[in-house]
Amino acid sequence: MKILDLGCGKTKTPGAIGVDREKLPGVDIVHDLNTYPYPFKDNEFESLIARHCLSHLQDIRKTMEEIHRITQNGAEIKITVPYYTSKDYYSDWTHLHPFTEHSFKYFTEEFLYNYYSRARFKVQKVQFNYSATGRWNPLRRILRHYLWNMVDSLEFTLITQK
């Protein structure tokens, strides 16, 4: 299986091709992900991982369109991003975009406002990663809408649709 790890930094997924703008240990290809197109062929990857890199990029629409272009139909995309109320989002001055559980609906066929992009994905799973204070709270699902810092990040599993 051919796997791409976007913005891998020092923590590249074993067996994946690692891309980052910095030449770090484990980085296979040095490329600024704000520069399009990415240096890959159409439909090249069966799987793609993007952990904590999308929030640092300037244009999410263009990035998702590139991910769509370079992944095969049915490819599994794993994306981890900071949640919009997380202190980790606000304390990192390099973050450009917050995310909610609805952020990737814009790239689904059934969403009303999907006309901003032709890239299509199926949102297979959304997982909330709770902070230490929210992890053990039995009311966390209700409280996350009212209290900040309950959720640190979100993990999305998307499936490329062509």
C-alpha atoms as a PDB file:
ATOM      1  CA  MET A   1       0.000   0.000   0.000  1.00  0.00           C
ATOM      2  CA  LYS A   2       1.377   3.401  -0.957  1.00  0.00           C
ATOM      3  CA  ILE A   3       0.915   5.868   1.927  1.00  0.00           C
ATOM      4  CA  LEU A   4       1.687   9.598   2.048  1.00  0.00           C
ATOM      5  CA  ASP A   5       2.298  11.379   5.355  1.00  0.00           C
ATOM      6  CA  LEU A   6       1.743  15.128   4.780  1.00  0.00           C
ATOM      7  CA  GLY A   7       3.573  17.452   7.134  1.00  0.00           C
ATOM      8  CA  CYS A   8       5.139  14.469   8.864  1.00  0.00           C
ATOM      9  CA  GLY A   9       7.781  16.446  10.746  1.00  0.00           C
ATOM     10  CA  LYS A  10       9.859  14.138  12.947  1.00  0.00           C
ATOM     11  CA  THR A  11       7.026  11.610  13.403  1.00  0.00           C
ATOM     12  CA  LYS A  12       6.621   9.992   9.995  1.00  0.00           C
ATOM     13  CA  THR A  13       4.326   6.990   9.850  1.00  0.00           C
ATOM     14  CA  PRO A  14       6.383   3.802   9.304  1.00  0.00           C
ATOM     15  CA  GLY A  15       6.201   2.676   5.681  1.00  0.00           C
ATOM     16  CA  ALA A  16       4.884   6.022   4.429  1.00  0.00           C
ATOM     17  CA  ILE A  17       6.475   8.630   2.200  1.00  0.00           C
ATOM     18  CA  GLY A  18       7.040  11.646   4.438  1.00  0.00           C
ATOM     19  CA  VAL A  19       6.621  15.206   3.165  1.00  0.00           C
ATOM     20  CA  ASP A  20       7.474  18.338   5.099  1.00  0.00           C
ATOM     21  CA  ARG A  21       8.773  21.804   4.314  1.00  0.00           C
ATOM     22  CA  GLU A  22      11.681  21.233   6.708  1.00  0.00           C
ATOM     23  CA  LYS A  23      14.451  18.692   6.108  1.00  0.00           C
ATOM     24  CA  LEU A  24      14.055  16.679   9.296  1.00  0.00           C
ATOM     25  CA  PRO A  25      14.954  13.077  10.135  1.00  0.00           C
ATOM     26  CA  GLY A  26      12.477  10.837   8.297  1.00  0.00           C
ATOM     27  CA  VAL A  27      11.374  13.443   5.757  1.00  0.00           C
ATOM     28  CA  ASP A  28      11.651  11.926   2.286  1.00  0.00           C
ATOM     29  CA  ILE A  29      10.476  14.898   0.216  1.00  0.00           C
ATOM     30  CA  VAL A  30      10.996  18.537   1.157  1.00  0.00           C
ATOM     31  CA  HIS A  31       8.058  20.561  -0.170  1.00  0.00           C
ATOM     32  CA  ASP A  32       6.098  23.575   1.066  1.00  0.00           C
ATOM     33  CA  LEU A  33       2.486  22.346   1.191  1.00  0.00           C
ATOM     34  CA  ASN A  34       1.293  25.884   0.439  1.00  0.00           C
ATOM     35  CA  THR A  35       2.796  25.448  -3.057  1.00  0.00           C
ATOM     36  CA  TYR A  36       0.551  23.774  -5.623  1.00  0.00           C
ATOM     37  CA  PRO A  37       0.531  21.367  -7.315  1.00  0.00           C
ATOM     38  CA  TYR A  38       2.147  18.852  -5.000  1.00  0.00           C
ATOM     39  CA  PRO A  39       4.996  16.851  -6.580  1.00  0.00           C
ATOM     40  CA  PHE A  40       2.955  13.672  -7.057  1.00  0.00           C
ATOM     41  CA  LYS A  41       1.053  11.993  -9.884  1.00  0.00           C
ATOM     42  CA  ASP A  42      -2.730  11.810 -10.046  1.00  0.00           C
ATOM     43  CA  ASN A  43      -4.213   8.843  -8.130  1.00  0.00           C
ATOM     44  CA  GLU A  44      -0.807   7.872  -6.722  1.00  0.00           C
ATOM     45  CA  PHE A  45      -1.714   7.066  -3.100  1.00  0.00           C
ATOM     46  CA  GLU A  46      -4.006   4.497  -1.495  1.00  0.00           C
ATOM     47  CA  SER A  47      -3.823   6.201   1.888  1.00  0.00           C
ATOM     48  CA  LEU A  48      -2.906   9.644   3.201  1.00  0.00           C
ATOM     49  CA  ILE A  49      -2.191  10.913   6.700  1.00  0.00           C
ATOM     50  CA  ALA A  50      -2.200  14.571   7.728  1.00  0.00           C
ATOM     51  CA  ARG A  51      -1.632  14.979  11.471  1.00  0.00           C
ATOM     52  CA  HIS A  52      -1.701  18.546  12.731  1.00  0.00           C
ATOM     53  CA  CYS A  53      -0.602  20.096   9.448  1.00  0.00           C
ATOM     54  CA  LEU A  54      -3.802  21.379   7.756  1.00  0.00           C
ATOM     55  CA  SER A  55      -4.333  24.071  10.408  1.00  0.00           C
ATOM     56  CA  HIS A  56      -0.978  25.585   9.388  1.00  0.00           C
ATOM     57  CA  LEU A  57      -1.752  25.818   5.659  1.00  0.00           C
ATOM     58  CA  GLN A  58      -3.077  28.911   3.930  1.00  0.00           C
ATOM     59  CA  ASP A  59      -5.788  27.457   1.672  1.00  0.00           C
ATOM     60  CA  ILE A  60      -7.759  24.450   2.928  1.00  0.00           C
ATOM     61  CA  ARG A  61      -9.825  24.221  -0.270  1.00  0.00           C
ATOM     62  CA  LYS A  62      -6.746  23.978  -2.505  1.00  0.00           C
ATOM     63  CA  THR A  63      -5.113  21.530  -0.108  1.00  0.00           C
ATOM     64  CA  MET A  64      -8.154  19.245  -0.109  1.00  0.00           C
ATOM     65  CA  GLU A  65      -8.307  19.442  -3.902  1.00  0.00           C
ATOM     66  CA  GLU A  66      -4.656  18.354  -4.074  1.00  0.00           C
ATOM     67  CA  ILE A  67      -5.326  15.517  -1.630  1.00  0.00           C
ATOM     68  CA  HIS A  68      -8.232  14.468  -3.852  1.00  0.00           C
ATOM     69  CA  ARG A  69      -6.067  14.632  -6.979  1.00  0.00           C
ATOM     70  CA  ILE A  70      -3.190  12.539  -5.628  1.00  0.00           C
ATOM     71  CA  THR A  71      -5.286   9.850  -3.886  1.00  0.00           C
ATOM     72  CA  GLN A  72      -7.078   6.974  -5.553  1.00  0.00           C
ATOM     73  CA  ASN A  73     -10.827   6.453  -5.523  1.00  0.00           C
ATOM     74  CA  GLY A  74     -11.625   4.801  -2.187  1.00  0.00           C
ATOM     75  CA  ALA A  75      -8.383   5.969  -0.556  1.00  0.00           C
ATOM     76  CA  GLU A  76      -8.514   6.392   3.211  1.00  0.00           C
ATOM     77  CA  ILE A  77      -7.554   9.865   4.441  1.00  0.00           C
ATOM     78  CA  LYS A  78      -6.720  10.329   8.145  1.00  0.00           C
ATOM     79  CA  ILE A  79      -6.698  13.960   9.267  1.00  0.00           C
ATOM     80  CA  THR A  80      -6.029  15.277  12.772  1.00  0.00           C
ATOM     81  CA  VAL A  81      -6.690  18.966  13.433  1.00  0.00           C
ATOM     82  CA  PRO A  82      -7.088  21.219  16.486  1.00  0.00           C
ATOM     83  CA  TYR A  83     -10.648  21.789  17.684  1.00  0.00           C
ATOM     84  CA  TYR A  84     -11.823  25.402  17.459  1.00  0.00           C
ATOM     85  CA  THR A  85     -12.167  25.814  21.250  1.00  0.00           C
ATOM     86  CA  SER A  86      -8.866  24.177  22.159  1.00  0.00           C
ATOM     87  CA  LYS A  87      -6.229  26.161  24.008  1.00  0.00           C
ATOM     88  CA  ASP A  88      -3.743  24.360  21.773  1.00  0.00           C
ATOM     89  CA  TYR A  89      -5.332  26.037  18.750  1.00  0.00           C
ATOM     90  CA  TYR A  90      -5.151  29.528  20.253  1.00  0.00           C
ATOM     91  CA  SER A  91      -1.756  29.217  21.889  1.00  0.00           C
ATOM     92  CA  ASP A  92       0.070  28.222  18.687  1.00  0.00           C
ATOM     93  CA  TRP A  93       0.565  31.385  16.634  1.00  0.00           C
ATOM     94  CA  THR A  94       1.315  29.286  13.537  1.00  0.00           C
ATOM     95  CA  HIS A  95      -2.272  27.972  13.403  1.00  0.00           C
ATOM     96  CA  LEU A  96      -4.247  29.647  10.624  1.00  0.00           C
ATOM     97  CA  HIS A  97      -7.523  27.671  10.741  1.00  0.00           C
ATOM     98  CA  PRO A  98      -9.696  26.201  13.472  1.00  0.00           C
ATOM     99  CA  PHE A  99     -11.850  23.142  12.751  1.00  0.00           C
ATOM    100  CA  THR A 100     -15.164  21.750  13.944  1.00  0.00           C
ATOM    101  CA  GLU A 101     -16.816  18.402  13.435  1.00  0.00           C
ATOM    102  CA  HIS A 102     -18.544  19.935  10.377  1.00  0.00           C
ATOM    103  CA  SER A 103     -15.495  21.368   8.578  1.00  0.00           C
ATOM    104  CA  PHE A 104     -15.144  18.644   5.938  1.00  0.00           C
ATOM    105  CA  LYS A 105     -18.846  18.460   5.020  1.00  0.00           C
ATOM    106  CA  TYR A 106     -18.094  21.074   2.355  1.00  0.00           C
ATOM    107  CA  PHE A 107     -16.381  18.302   0.391  1.00  0.00           C
ATOM    108  CA  THR A 108     -19.297  15.825   0.528  1.00  0.00           C
ATOM    109  CA  GLU A 109     -21.844  15.288  -2.217  1.00  0.00           C
ATOM    110  CA  GLU A 110     -24.882  15.749   0.017  1.00  0.00           C
ATOM    111  CA  PHE A 111     -23.864  19.037   1.684  1.00  0.00           C
ATOM    112  CA  LEU A 112     -25.814  22.128   0.610  1.00  0.00           C
ATOM    113  CA  TYR A 113     -22.702  24.327   0.220  1.00  0.00           C
ATOM    114  CA  ASN A 114     -20.502  21.809  -1.606  1.00  0.00           C
ATOM    115  CA  TYR A 115     -20.195  24.049  -4.677  1.00  0.00           C
ATOM    116  CA  TYR A 116     -17.010  25.695  -3.377  1.00  0.00           C
ATOM    117  CA  SER A 117     -14.992  22.697  -4.566  1.00  0.00           C
ATOM    118  CA  ARG A 118     -15.332  19.714  -6.896  1.00  0.00           C
ATOM    119  CA  ALA A 119     -13.211  17.500  -4.625  1.00  0.00           C
ATOM    120  CA  ARG A 120     -15.427  14.861  -3.017  1.00  0.00           C
ATOM    121  CA  PHE A 121     -14.906  12.751   0.068  1.00  0.00           C
ATOM    122  CA  LYS A 122     -17.121  10.660   2.292  1.00  0.00           C
ATOM    123  CA  VAL A 123     -16.800  11.509   5.986  1.00  0.00           C
ATOM    124  CA  GLN A 124     -16.525   8.029   7.435  1.00  0.00           C
ATOM    125  CA  LYS A 125     -15.658   8.937  11.034  1.00  0.00           C
ATOM    126  CA  VAL A 126     -15.183  11.937  13.320  1.00  0.00           C
ATOM    127  CA  GLN A 127     -13.511  11.360  16.680  1.00  0.00           C
ATOM    128  CA  PHE A 128     -13.175  13.922  19.471  1.00  0.00           C
ATOM    129  CA  ASN A 129      -9.930  13.815  21.442  1.00  0.00           C
ATOM    130  CA  TYR A 130     -10.721  15.212  24.862  1.00  0.00           C
ATOM    131  CA  SER A 131      -8.364  17.171  27.075  1.00  0.00           C
ATOM    132  CA  ALA A 132      -7.403  15.788  30.464  1.00  0.00           C
ATOM    133  CA  THR A 133     -10.153  17.835  32.122  1.00  0.00           C
ATOM    134  CA  GLY A 134     -12.830  16.743  29.659  1.00  0.00           C
ATOM    135  CA  ARG A 135     -11.847  13.102  29.212  1.00  0.00           C
ATOM    136  CA  TRP A 136     -13.433  11.873  32.443  1.00  0.00           C
ATOM    137  CA  ASN A 137     -16.443  14.176  32.525  1.00  0.00           C
ATOM    138  CA  PRO A 138     -19.640  12.144  31.918  1.00  0.00           C
ATOM    139  CA  LEU A 139     -21.356  15.236  30.481  1.00  0.00           C
ATOM    140  CA  ARG A 140     -18.549  16.000  28.008  1.00  0.00           C
ATOM    141  CA  ARG A 141     -20.697  15.625  24.872  1.00  0.00           C
ATOM    142  CA  ILE A 142     -23.111  18.303  26.057  1.00  0.00           C
ATOM    143  CA  LEU A 143     -20.520  20.533  27.700  1.00  0.00           C
ATOM    144  CA  ARG A 144     -18.143  20.677  24.713  1.00  0.00           C
ATOM    145  CA  HIS A 145     -20.521  23.174  23.086  1.00  0.00           C
ATOM    146  CA  TYR A 146     -20.425  25.473  26.110  1.00  0.00           C
ATOM    147  CA  LEU A 147     -17.067  25.045  27.804  1.00  0.00           C
ATOM    148  CA  TRP A 148     -13.743  25.741  26.148  1.00  0.00           C
ATOM    149  CA  ASN A 149     -10.762  23.403  26.350  1.00  0.00           C
ATOM    150  CA  MET A 150     -12.859  20.237  26.698  1.00  0.00           C
ATOM    151  CA  VAL A 151     -11.692  18.967  23.285  1.00  0.00           C
ATOM    152  CA  ASP A 152      -8.064  19.163  22.131  1.00  0.00           C
ATOM    153  CA  SER A 153      -8.377  17.856  18.601  1.00  0.00           C
ATOM    154  CA  LEU A 154     -10.501  16.055  16.048  1.00  0.00           C
ATOM    155  CA  GLU A 155      -9.585  12.992  14.015  1.00  0.00           C
ATOM    156  CA  PHE A 156     -11.363  12.576  10.693  1.00  0.00           C
ATOM    157  CA  THR A 157     -11.426   9.530   8.469  1.00  0.00           C
ATOM    158  CA  LEU A 158     -12.403  10.505   4.930  1.00  0.00           C
ATOM    159  CA  ILE A 159     -12.760   8.319   1.859  1.00  0.00           C
ATOM    160  CA  THR A 160     -11.845   9.753  -1.550  1.00  0.00           C
ATOM    161  CA  GLN A 161     -14.744   9.675  -4.027  1.00  0.00           C
ATOM    162  CA  LYS A 162     -14.093  10.104  -7.745  1.00  0.00           C
END
